[in-house]
């Protein structure tokens, strides 16, 4: 096996190419360098192995739930580009024509995301606005990782998006408890998938959202 692919063993099941992994490595180098100037991710997680496992591989697994027949994907509060930049890299290397809308309020992070997108030739649009103030949004898959609590995200999508295919969220250790509590107020058509990076975490794929 190629040395670069050995660094991403958990992605074997996703059939990720060598070129994609090389782009992940390029992104990681840019991220670590920029993180010395501005706080994009925590200093303790700004190490190669930690970034690969905790951020890149964790983000990449969402590809299974992306609607590949849509023109756009939307990442809510992308931060340092997780999962938006990672999915952008994967989509480009799959030769799919899809734009990734990256919502990020921080000016410095937005500048970084635009720079990364340009250098990696990604089809992204970095939108430096508060998404809570924008309505009538239309997209394919919506995704969010470490953005806001589940009920807040549901309210946002329910009110501000007029059209979307599905909403994919990364749920942590207390995810099941949070989901059970949320289902008392929201009616959701959803499925879950166990995370490949954490025993206690899972992906939540929601297809329909209604208030009870």
Protein backbone atom coordinates (compact mmCIF):
# COMPACT_ATOMS: atom_id res chain seq x y z
CA UNK A 1 0.00 0.00 0.00
CA UNK A 2 1.15 3.53 -0.77
CA UNK A 3 2.64 5.32 2.25
CA UNK A 4 0.13 8.18 1.96
CA UNK A 5 -2.82 5.77 2.07
CA UNK A 6 -1.36 4.09 5.16
CA UNK A 7 -1.94 7.34 7.01
CA UNK A 8 -5.68 7.05 6.35
CA UNK A 9 -6.58 3.38 7.02
CA UNK A 10 -10.07 4.24 8.27
CA UNK A 11 -10.90 5.72 4.88
CA UNK A 12 -10.31 2.43 3.03
CA UNK A 13 -13.99 1.61 3.36
CA UNK A 14 -14.86 4.92 1.70
CA UNK A 15 -12.68 4.12 -1.31
CA UNK A 16 -10.74 7.38 -1.01
CA UNK A 17 -8.07 7.90 -3.67
CA UNK A 18 -4.37 8.62 -3.19
CA UNK A 19 -4.87 12.04 -4.80
CA UNK A 20 -7.53 12.89 -2.25
CA UNK A 21 -5.26 11.90 0.64
CA UNK A 22 -2.46 14.02 -0.84
CA UNK A 23 -4.82 17.00 -0.89
CA UNK A 24 -5.76 16.27 2.73
CA UNK A 25 -2.05 16.43 3.59
CA UNK A 26 -1.63 19.74 1.72
CA UNK A 27 -4.61 21.19 3.57
CA UNK A 28 -3.23 19.96 6.88
CA UNK A 29 0.12 21.71 6.25
CA UNK A 30 -1.71 24.97 5.47
CA UNK A 31 -3.88 24.59 8.56
CA UNK A 32 -0.97 23.96 10.94
CA UNK A 33 0.95 26.92 9.52
CA UNK A 34 -2.02 29.29 9.77
CA UNK A 35 -2.87 28.04 13.25
CA UNK A 36 0.37 29.60 14.53
CA UNK A 37 -1.02 33.00 13.47
CA UNK A 38 -4.72 32.69 14.31
CA UNK A 39 -6.64 30.25 16.47
CA UNK A 40 -8.39 27.97 13.97
CA UNK A 41 -8.24 24.76 16.00
CA UNK A 42 -6.92 24.16 19.52
CA UNK A 43 -3.14 24.00 19.86
CA UNK A 44 -3.25 20.52 21.38
CA UNK A 45 -5.12 19.19 18.34
CA UNK A 46 -2.85 20.99 15.84
CA UNK A 47 -0.69 17.92 15.36
CA UNK A 48 -0.61 15.76 12.23
CA UNK A 49 -2.03 12.52 13.66
CA UNK A 50 -4.68 14.33 15.70
CA UNK A 51 -5.80 16.45 12.74
CA UNK A 52 -6.03 13.35 10.54
CA UNK A 53 -8.11 11.33 12.99
CA UNK A 54 -10.12 13.95 14.84
CA UNK A 55 -10.83 16.34 11.99
CA UNK A 56 -10.08 15.02 8.49
CA UNK A 57 -11.19 11.38 8.75
CA UNK A 58 -14.08 12.34 11.00
CA UNK A 59 -15.25 14.90 8.43
CA UNK A 60 -14.71 12.62 5.42
CA UNK A 61 -17.14 9.96 6.63
CA UNK A 62 -20.07 12.30 5.95
CA UNK A 63 -19.59 11.66 2.21
CA UNK A 64 -21.86 8.61 2.55
CA UNK A 65 -24.82 10.90 3.21
CA UNK A 66 -24.08 13.65 0.66
CA UNK A 67 -26.71 13.99 -2.07
CA UNK A 68 -24.45 13.82 -5.13
CA UNK A 69 -27.23 14.77 -7.54
CA UNK A 70 -27.54 18.32 -6.20
CA UNK A 71 -25.71 21.43 -7.40
CA UNK A 72 -24.74 22.66 -3.94
CA UNK A 73 -23.81 21.49 -0.46
CA UNK A 74 -24.02 23.83 2.53
CA UNK A 75 -21.75 23.72 5.59
CA UNK A 76 -23.11 25.62 8.59
CA UNK A 77 -20.36 27.30 10.60
CA UNK A 78 -17.49 25.55 8.88
CA UNK A 79 -14.76 27.02 11.15
CA UNK A 80 -11.43 25.73 9.87
CA UNK A 81 -13.13 23.92 7.00
CA UNK A 82 -14.57 20.86 8.72
CA UNK A 83 -16.31 19.20 7.08
CA UNK A 84 -16.70 21.67 4.15
CA UNK A 85 -13.14 21.79 2.81
CA UNK A 86 -12.70 18.03 3.30
CA UNK A 87 -15.89 17.28 1.37
CA UNK A 88 -14.86 19.84 -1.25
CA UNK A 89 -11.60 17.95 -1.79
CA UNK A 90 -13.43 14.62 -2.07
CA UNK A 91 -16.07 15.96 -4.45
CA UNK A 92 -13.43 17.50 -6.73
CA UNK A 93 -11.48 14.25 -6.91
CA UNK A 94 -14.72 12.40 -7.74
CA UNK A 95 -15.07 14.76 -10.73
CA UNK A 96 -18.46 15.94 -9.52
CA UNK A 97 -19.63 19.45 -10.34
CA UNK A 98 -20.93 20.70 -7.01
CA UNK A 99 -20.38 23.96 -5.18
CA UNK A 100 -19.78 23.92 -1.43
CA UNK A 101 -21.23 26.91 0.43
CA UNK A 102 -19.12 27.53 3.53
CA UNK A 103 -20.77 29.76 6.12
CA UNK A 104 -18.26 31.28 8.53
CA UNK A 105 -18.68 34.53 10.48
CA UNK A 106 -15.00 34.95 11.37
CA UNK A 107 -13.12 37.24 9.00
CA UNK A 108 -9.74 35.58 9.60
CA UNK A 109 -11.09 32.06 9.13
CA UNK A 110 -12.94 33.15 5.99
CA UNK A 111 -9.73 34.57 4.50
CA UNK A 112 -7.96 31.28 5.31
CA UNK A 113 -10.77 29.22 3.73
CA UNK A 114 -10.67 31.27 0.52
CA UNK A 115 -6.89 30.89 0.34
CA UNK A 116 -7.12 27.11 0.82
CA UNK A 117 -9.89 26.83 -1.76
CA UNK A 118 -7.85 28.75 -4.31
CA UNK A 119 -4.67 26.75 -3.75
CA UNK A 120 -6.49 23.40 -3.86
CA UNK A 121 -8.72 24.48 -6.76
CA UNK A 122 -11.96 23.78 -4.87
CA UNK A 123 -15.41 24.88 -6.00
CA UNK A 124 -16.42 26.70 -2.82
CA UNK A 125 -18.05 29.95 -1.85
CA UNK A 126 -17.07 31.30 1.56
CA UNK A 127 -19.99 33.30 2.91
CA UNK A 128 -18.92 35.55 5.77
CA UNK A 129 -22.38 36.24 7.12
CA UNK A 130 -24.57 35.21 10.02
CA UNK A 131 -26.66 32.43 8.49
CA UNK A 132 -29.38 33.02 11.07
CA UNK A 133 -30.15 36.29 9.28
CA UNK A 134 -30.55 34.75 5.80
CA UNK A 135 -33.83 33.22 4.63
CA UNK A 136 -35.21 31.35 1.61
CA UNK A 137 -32.00 29.30 1.32
CA UNK A 138 -31.87 26.44 -1.16
CA UNK A 139 -29.31 23.61 -1.28
CA UNK A 140 -28.81 19.87 -1.53
CA UNK A 141 -27.22 18.42 1.60
CA UNK A 142 -26.79 20.61 4.67
CA UNK A 143 -24.05 19.55 7.08
CA UNK A 144 -22.84 20.83 10.44
CA UNK A 145 -20.03 19.73 12.73
CA UNK A 146 -19.51 21.31 16.16
CA UNK A 147 -21.72 24.24 15.17
CA UNK A 148 -24.74 24.69 17.46
CA UNK A 149 -26.94 22.48 19.68
CA UNK A 150 -29.31 20.16 17.79
CA UNK A 151 -32.55 22.09 18.57
CA UNK A 152 -30.95 25.36 17.39
CA UNK A 153 -29.85 23.80 14.10
CA UNK A 154 -33.29 22.26 13.53
CA UNK A 155 -34.96 25.63 14.11
CA UNK A 156 -32.52 27.29 11.69
CA UNK A 157 -33.09 24.77 8.90
CA UNK A 158 -36.86 24.70 9.48
CA UNK A 159 -37.15 28.50 9.27
CA UNK A 160 -34.38 29.61 6.93
CA UNK A 161 -34.19 26.89 4.26
CA UNK A 162 -36.99 26.73 1.70
CA UNK A 163 -35.47 23.72 -0.04
CA UNK A 164 -32.91 21.05 0.90
CA UNK A 165 -32.38 17.30 0.47
CA UNK A 166 -31.08 16.28 3.90
CA UNK A 167 -29.33 17.53 7.02
CA UNK A 168 -26.31 15.63 8.35
CA UNK A 169 -25.03 16.27 11.87
CA UNK A 170 -22.13 14.90 13.90
CA UNK A 171 -23.36 13.69 17.28
CA UNK A 172 -21.01 13.12 20.21
CA UNK A 173 -21.08 11.09 23.42
CA UNK A 174 -24.32 12.60 24.70
CA UNK A 175 -25.88 12.50 21.22
CA UNK A 176 -28.45 9.78 21.91
CA UNK A 177 -29.70 11.54 25.01
CA UNK A 178 -29.91 14.87 23.15
CA UNK A 179 -31.75 13.24 20.24
CA UNK A 180 -34.31 11.57 22.53
CA UNK A 181 -35.00 14.87 24.25
CA UNK A 182 -35.26 16.71 20.94
CA UNK A 183 -37.76 14.19 19.54
CA UNK A 184 -40.27 15.33 22.16
CA UNK A 185 -40.55 18.66 20.34
CA UNK A 186 -39.59 17.76 16.79
CA UNK A 187 -40.85 15.16 14.35
CA UNK A 188 -37.87 13.89 12.34
CA UNK A 189 -37.45 11.41 9.51
CA UNK A 190 -33.92 10.26 10.23
CA UNK A 191 -31.32 7.49 10.26
CA UNK A 192 -28.10 7.11 12.21
CA UNK A 193 -24.71 5.66 11.40
CA UNK A 194 -21.97 4.82 13.88
CA UNK A 195 -18.89 7.04 13.61
CA UNK A 196 -15.74 5.42 12.25
CA UNK A 197 -13.57 7.60 14.51
CA UNK A 198 -15.31 7.25 17.89
CA UNK A 199 -17.14 4.42 19.63
CA UNK A 200 -19.51 6.83 21.35
CA UNK A 201 -20.34 9.07 18.39
CA UNK A 202 -22.62 8.81 15.37
CA UNK A 203 -23.81 10.64 12.28
CA UNK A 204 -27.42 11.78 12.21
CA UNK A 205 -28.97 12.00 8.75
CA UNK A 206 -32.29 13.89 8.79
CA UNK A 207 -34.52 13.95 5.71
CA UNK A 208 -37.58 15.78 7.03
CA UNK A 209 -38.11 18.23 9.89
CA UNK A 210 -41.47 19.18 11.40
CA UNK A 211 -42.50 20.74 14.67
CA UNK A 212 -44.83 18.74 16.88
